[in-house]
């Protein structure tokens, strides 16, 4: 509807941003989960809060970058990334929770 040049520009912006931000988001998820878990001892709450702490700035940044780039229909451009980012983040911290449980079980077995 907006032409192939606008579509290519939106795809380039979104693809590049997604690649860079996934690595950063993963590092942020690990750091925030580990810090909150040590601070509070509440592992499930730490996991949920870590997802919110990491997704909020990433999603806001994604919106702002697409607006700055002049991407038409920003919401339609970023909404799938928001969904995938939330699923990815939730799955990742669930993996961290499982890893923590595995280590805790091993420690109990060794004692």
N, C-alpha and C. Protein backbone atom coordinates (compact mmCIF):
# COMPACT_ATOMS: atom_id res chain seq x y z
N UNK A 1 0.82 -1.18 0.00
CA UNK A 1 0.00 0.00 0.00
C UNK A 1 0.89 1.27 0.00
N UNK A 2 2.04 1.20 0.67
CA UNK A 2 2.93 2.36 0.74
C UNK A 2 4.09 2.25 -0.25
N UNK A 3 4.14 1.17 -0.98
CA UNK A 3 5.17 1.00 -2.00
C UNK A 3 6.32 0.13 -1.53
N UNK A 4 7.05 -0.44 -2.48
CA UNK A 4 8.13 -1.36 -2.14
C UNK A 4 9.30 -0.69 -1.41
N UNK A 5 9.57 0.56 -1.69
CA UNK A 5 10.67 1.24 -1.01
C UNK A 5 10.36 1.40 0.48
N UNK A 6 9.15 1.80 0.80
CA UNK A 6 8.76 1.94 2.21
C UNK A 6 8.77 0.59 2.91
N UNK A 7 8.32 -0.45 2.21
CA UNK A 7 8.32 -1.80 2.79
C UNK A 7 9.74 -2.28 3.05
N UNK A 8 10.63 -2.04 2.11
CA UNK A 8 12.03 -2.45 2.26
C UNK A 8 12.69 -1.70 3.42
N UNK A 9 12.40 -0.42 3.53
CA UNK A 9 12.96 0.40 4.60
C UNK A 9 12.47 -0.09 5.96
N UNK A 10 11.18 -0.36 6.06
CA UNK A 10 10.61 -0.86 7.32
C UNK A 10 11.20 -2.22 7.67
N UNK A 11 11.35 -3.09 6.68
CA UNK A 11 11.92 -4.42 6.92
C UNK A 11 13.37 -4.32 7.38
N UNK A 12 14.13 -3.44 6.76
CA UNK A 12 15.53 -3.27 7.14
C UNK A 12 15.66 -2.73 8.55
N UNK A 13 14.87 -1.73 8.87
CA UNK A 13 14.90 -1.14 10.21
C UNK A 13 14.50 -2.19 11.25
N UNK A 14 13.40 -2.86 11.02
CA UNK A 14 12.90 -3.82 12.00
C UNK A 14 13.82 -5.02 12.12
N UNK A 15 14.32 -5.53 11.01
CA UNK A 15 15.21 -6.69 11.05
C UNK A 15 16.52 -6.39 11.77
N UNK A 16 17.12 -5.26 11.45
CA UNK A 16 18.38 -4.88 12.09
C UNK A 16 18.18 -4.64 13.59
N UNK A 17 17.12 -3.94 13.91
CA UNK A 17 16.84 -3.66 15.32
C UNK A 17 16.57 -4.96 16.08
N UNK A 18 15.82 -5.87 15.50
CA UNK A 18 15.49 -7.13 16.16
C UNK A 18 16.74 -7.95 16.44
N UNK A 19 17.66 -7.99 15.49
CA UNK A 19 18.89 -8.74 15.68
C UNK A 19 19.70 -8.20 16.85
N UNK A 20 19.93 -6.90 16.86
CA UNK A 20 20.75 -6.29 17.90
C UNK A 20 20.06 -6.37 19.26
N UNK A 21 18.78 -6.14 19.28
CA UNK A 21 18.08 -6.06 20.55
C UNK A 21 17.90 -7.44 21.20
N UNK A 22 17.84 -8.50 20.41
CA UNK A 22 17.68 -9.84 20.99
C UNK A 22 18.88 -10.19 21.85
N UNK A 23 20.06 -9.90 21.39
CA UNK A 23 21.25 -10.16 22.18
C UNK A 23 21.24 -9.32 23.46
N UNK A 24 20.96 -8.04 23.33
CA UNK A 24 20.90 -7.17 24.50
C UNK A 24 19.82 -7.59 25.48
N UNK A 25 18.69 -7.98 24.95
CA UNK A 25 17.57 -8.38 25.80
C UNK A 25 17.92 -9.66 26.58
N UNK A 26 18.59 -10.58 25.92
CA UNK A 26 18.99 -11.82 26.58
C UNK A 26 19.94 -11.52 27.74
N UNK A 27 20.90 -10.67 27.50
CA UNK A 27 21.84 -10.30 28.57
C UNK A 27 21.13 -9.58 29.71
N UNK A 28 20.19 -8.69 29.36
CA UNK A 28 19.42 -7.98 30.38
C UNK A 28 18.55 -8.94 31.19
N UNK A 29 17.93 -9.91 30.51
CA UNK A 29 17.09 -10.89 31.20
C UNK A 29 17.90 -11.67 32.23
N UNK A 30 19.05 -12.16 31.80
CA UNK A 30 19.88 -12.93 32.72
C UNK A 30 20.32 -12.09 33.91
N UNK A 31 20.81 -10.90 33.63
CA UNK A 31 21.31 -10.05 34.72
C UNK A 31 20.19 -9.66 35.69
N UNK A 32 19.06 -9.24 35.16
CA UNK A 32 17.97 -8.81 36.05
C UNK A 32 17.40 -9.98 36.84
N UNK A 33 17.24 -11.14 36.18
CA UNK A 33 16.72 -12.31 36.90
C UNK A 33 17.65 -12.72 38.04
N UNK A 34 18.93 -12.80 37.73
CA UNK A 34 19.89 -13.21 38.76
C UNK A 34 19.96 -12.19 39.91
N UNK A 35 19.97 -10.92 39.58
CA UNK A 35 20.03 -9.88 40.62
C UNK A 35 18.78 -9.89 41.48
N UNK A 36 17.62 -9.94 40.85
CA UNK A 36 16.36 -9.93 41.61
C UNK A 36 16.21 -11.20 42.44
N UNK A 37 16.62 -12.33 41.89
CA UNK A 37 16.53 -13.60 42.63
C UNK A 37 17.40 -13.57 43.88
N UNK A 38 18.61 -13.06 43.74
CA UNK A 38 19.51 -12.97 44.90
C UNK A 38 18.99 -11.96 45.92
N UNK A 39 18.43 -10.87 45.42
CA UNK A 39 17.94 -9.81 46.30
C UNK A 39 16.70 -10.24 47.07
N UNK A 40 15.76 -10.88 46.39
CA UNK A 40 14.47 -11.20 47.01
C UNK A 40 14.33 -12.65 47.43
N UNK A 41 14.93 -13.56 46.67
CA UNK A 41 14.73 -14.99 46.93
C UNK A 41 13.42 -15.50 46.35
N UNK A 42 12.67 -14.65 45.71
CA UNK A 42 11.39 -15.03 45.10
C UNK A 42 11.63 -15.26 43.61
N UNK A 43 11.87 -16.48 43.25
CA UNK A 43 12.33 -16.80 41.90
C UNK A 43 11.27 -16.58 40.83
N UNK A 44 10.04 -16.98 41.09
CA UNK A 44 8.98 -16.80 40.08
C UNK A 44 8.63 -15.31 39.89
N UNK A 45 8.57 -14.58 40.98
CA UNK A 45 8.29 -13.15 40.87
C UNK A 45 9.47 -12.44 40.19
N UNK A 46 10.67 -12.86 40.51
CA UNK A 46 11.85 -12.29 39.86
C UNK A 46 11.82 -12.54 38.36
N UNK A 47 11.35 -13.71 37.96
CA UNK A 47 11.25 -14.02 36.54
C UNK A 47 10.24 -13.11 35.85
N UNK A 48 9.07 -12.95 36.45
CA UNK A 48 8.03 -12.10 35.85
C UNK A 48 8.47 -10.64 35.79
N UNK A 49 9.06 -10.15 36.86
CA UNK A 49 9.51 -8.76 36.89
C UNK A 49 10.64 -8.55 35.87
N UNK A 50 11.51 -9.53 35.72
CA UNK A 50 12.59 -9.43 34.73
C UNK A 50 12.04 -9.27 33.32
N UNK A 51 10.99 -10.00 33.00
CA UNK A 51 10.37 -9.88 31.67
C UNK A 51 9.85 -8.47 31.47
N UNK A 52 9.16 -7.93 32.46
CA UNK A 52 8.62 -6.57 32.34
C UNK A 52 9.75 -5.54 32.25
N UNK A 53 10.76 -5.69 33.12
CA UNK A 53 11.88 -4.75 33.13
C UNK A 53 12.59 -4.72 31.79
N UNK A 54 12.71 -5.87 31.16
CA UNK A 54 13.44 -5.96 29.89
C UNK A 54 12.57 -5.61 28.69
N UNK A 55 11.33 -6.03 28.69
CA UNK A 55 10.46 -5.79 27.53
C UNK A 55 10.06 -4.32 27.40
N UNK A 56 9.75 -3.68 28.50
CA UNK A 56 9.26 -2.30 28.42
C UNK A 56 10.22 -1.37 27.68
N UNK A 57 11.49 -1.27 28.07
CA UNK A 57 12.36 -0.35 27.33
C UNK A 57 12.63 -0.79 25.90
N UNK A 58 12.67 -2.09 25.69
CA UNK A 58 12.90 -2.60 24.32
C UNK A 58 11.71 -2.23 23.43
N UNK A 59 10.52 -2.42 23.93
CA UNK A 59 9.33 -2.12 23.13
C UNK A 59 9.19 -0.62 22.88
N UNK A 60 9.47 0.17 23.88
CA UNK A 60 9.42 1.63 23.71
C UNK A 60 10.48 2.07 22.71
N UNK A 61 11.67 1.51 22.84
CA UNK A 61 12.74 1.82 21.90
C UNK A 61 12.40 1.44 20.47
N UNK A 62 11.79 0.29 20.31
CA UNK A 62 11.38 -0.17 18.98
C UNK A 62 10.38 0.79 18.37
N UNK A 63 9.43 1.21 19.16
CA UNK A 63 8.43 2.17 18.68
C UNK A 63 9.10 3.47 18.25
N UNK A 64 9.98 3.98 19.09
CA UNK A 64 10.63 5.26 18.81
C UNK A 64 11.54 5.19 17.58
N UNK A 65 12.26 4.09 17.43
CA UNK A 65 13.14 3.94 16.25
C UNK A 65 12.32 3.89 14.97
N UNK A 66 11.22 3.16 14.99
CA UNK A 66 10.38 3.09 13.79
C UNK A 66 9.73 4.42 13.48
N UNK A 67 9.33 5.17 14.49
CA UNK A 67 8.77 6.51 14.27
C UNK A 67 9.84 7.42 13.68
N UNK A 68 11.05 7.37 14.26
CA UNK A 68 12.14 8.21 13.78
C UNK A 68 12.53 7.87 12.34
N UNK A 69 12.40 6.59 11.98
CA UNK A 69 12.75 6.15 10.62
C UNK A 69 11.64 6.46 9.62
N UNK A 70 10.49 6.91 10.12
CA UNK A 70 9.39 7.24 9.24
C UNK A 70 8.62 6.02 8.75
N UNK A 71 8.67 4.94 9.51
CA UNK A 71 7.97 3.72 9.15
C UNK A 71 6.47 3.98 9.14
N UNK A 72 5.79 3.68 8.03
CA UNK A 72 4.34 3.84 8.02
C UNK A 72 3.69 2.72 8.83
N UNK A 73 2.58 3.01 9.44
CA UNK A 73 1.82 2.03 10.22
C UNK A 73 2.72 1.33 11.24
N UNK A 74 3.24 2.11 12.15
CA UNK A 74 4.19 1.61 13.13
C UNK A 74 3.60 0.45 13.95
N UNK A 75 2.37 0.59 14.39
CA UNK A 75 1.78 -0.46 15.22
C UNK A 75 1.79 -1.81 14.49
N UNK A 76 1.36 -1.82 13.26
CA UNK A 76 1.35 -3.07 12.50
C UNK A 76 2.77 -3.61 12.28
N UNK A 77 3.71 -2.73 12.21
CA UNK A 77 5.10 -3.14 12.01
C UNK A 77 5.68 -3.79 13.26
N UNK A 78 5.38 -3.25 14.43
CA UNK A 78 6.04 -3.70 15.65
C UNK A 78 5.24 -4.70 16.48
N UNK A 79 3.96 -4.84 16.28
CA UNK A 79 3.15 -5.66 17.18
C UNK A 79 3.59 -7.13 17.17
N UNK A 80 3.93 -7.66 16.03
CA UNK A 80 4.38 -9.06 15.99
C UNK A 80 5.69 -9.21 16.77
N UNK A 81 6.58 -8.25 16.64
CA UNK A 81 7.82 -8.28 17.41
C UNK A 81 7.57 -8.21 18.90
N UNK A 82 6.57 -7.44 19.30
CA UNK A 82 6.22 -7.36 20.72
C UNK A 82 5.73 -8.71 21.23
N UNK A 83 4.90 -9.36 20.44
CA UNK A 83 4.38 -10.67 20.83
C UNK A 83 5.52 -11.68 20.91
N UNK A 84 6.34 -11.73 19.87
CA UNK A 84 7.45 -12.68 19.86
C UNK A 84 8.45 -12.36 20.97
N UNK A 85 8.72 -11.08 21.21
CA UNK A 85 9.63 -10.69 22.28
C UNK A 85 9.14 -11.11 23.65
N UNK A 86 7.85 -10.98 23.88
CA UNK A 86 7.28 -11.38 25.16
C UNK A 86 7.34 -12.89 25.33
N UNK A 87 7.00 -13.62 24.27
CA UNK A 87 7.07 -15.09 24.33
C UNK A 87 8.53 -15.54 24.54
N UNK A 88 9.45 -14.94 23.79
CA UNK A 88 10.87 -15.28 23.93
C UNK A 88 11.35 -15.01 25.35
N UNK A 89 11.06 -13.83 25.87
CA UNK A 89 11.52 -13.46 27.21
C UNK A 89 10.94 -14.39 28.27
N UNK A 90 9.66 -14.68 28.15
CA UNK A 90 9.01 -15.57 29.12
C UNK A 90 9.60 -16.97 29.05
N UNK A 91 9.84 -17.45 27.85
CA UNK A 91 10.43 -18.79 27.68
C UNK A 91 11.86 -18.81 28.22
N UNK A 92 12.61 -17.76 27.97
CA UNK A 92 14.00 -17.71 28.42
C UNK A 92 14.09 -17.73 29.94
N UNK A 93 13.30 -16.91 30.62
CA UNK A 93 13.37 -16.90 32.08
C UNK A 93 12.79 -18.17 32.67
N UNK A 94 11.86 -18.82 31.97
CA UNK A 94 11.38 -20.12 32.42
C UNK A 94 12.53 -21.12 32.38
N UNK A 95 13.36 -21.04 31.35
CA UNK A 95 14.55 -21.88 31.28
C UNK A 95 15.52 -21.59 32.41
N UNK A 96 15.66 -20.31 32.76
CA UNK A 96 16.51 -19.96 33.90
C UNK A 96 15.95 -20.53 35.20
N UNK A 97 14.64 -20.49 35.35
CA UNK A 97 14.00 -21.07 36.54
C UNK A 97 14.26 -22.57 36.61
N UNK A 98 14.08 -23.25 35.49
CA UNK A 98 14.32 -24.71 35.46
C UNK A 98 15.76 -25.03 35.78
N UNK A 99 16.68 -24.23 35.25
CA UNK A 99 18.10 -24.45 35.53
C UNK A 99 18.38 -24.27 37.02
N UNK A 100 17.79 -23.25 37.62
CA UNK A 100 17.97 -23.02 39.06
C UNK A 100 17.44 -24.19 39.87
N UNK A 101 16.27 -24.71 39.50
CA UNK A 101 15.70 -25.87 40.19
C UNK A 101 16.60 -27.09 40.07
N UNK A 102 17.15 -27.29 38.89
CA UNK A 102 18.04 -28.43 38.64
C UNK A 102 19.28 -28.34 39.54
N UNK A 103 19.84 -27.15 39.65
CA UNK A 103 21.01 -26.95 40.50
C UNK A 103 20.63 -27.17 41.97
N UNK A 104 19.47 -26.68 42.37
CA UNK A 104 19.02 -26.85 43.77
C UNK A 104 18.81 -28.33 44.09
N UNK A 105 18.23 -29.09 43.15
CA UNK A 105 18.03 -30.52 43.38
C UNK A 105 19.37 -31.24 43.49
N UNK A 106 20.32 -30.87 42.65
CA UNK A 106 21.64 -31.49 42.68
C UNK A 106 22.34 -31.19 44.00
N UNK A 107 22.18 -29.97 44.49
CA UNK A 107 22.81 -29.60 45.76
C UNK A 107 22.21 -30.40 46.92
N UNK A 108 20.89 -30.62 46.89
CA UNK A 108 20.24 -31.41 47.94
C UNK A 108 20.69 -32.86 47.90
N UNK A 109 20.87 -33.38 46.69
CA UNK A 109 21.30 -34.77 46.52
C UNK A 109 22.72 -34.95 47.05
N UNK A 110 23.56 -33.97 46.85
CA UNK A 110 24.95 -34.05 47.29
C UNK A 110 25.12 -33.87 48.80
N UNK A 111 24.11 -33.32 49.45
CA UNK A 111 24.20 -33.10 50.91
C UNK A 111 23.77 -34.28 51.66
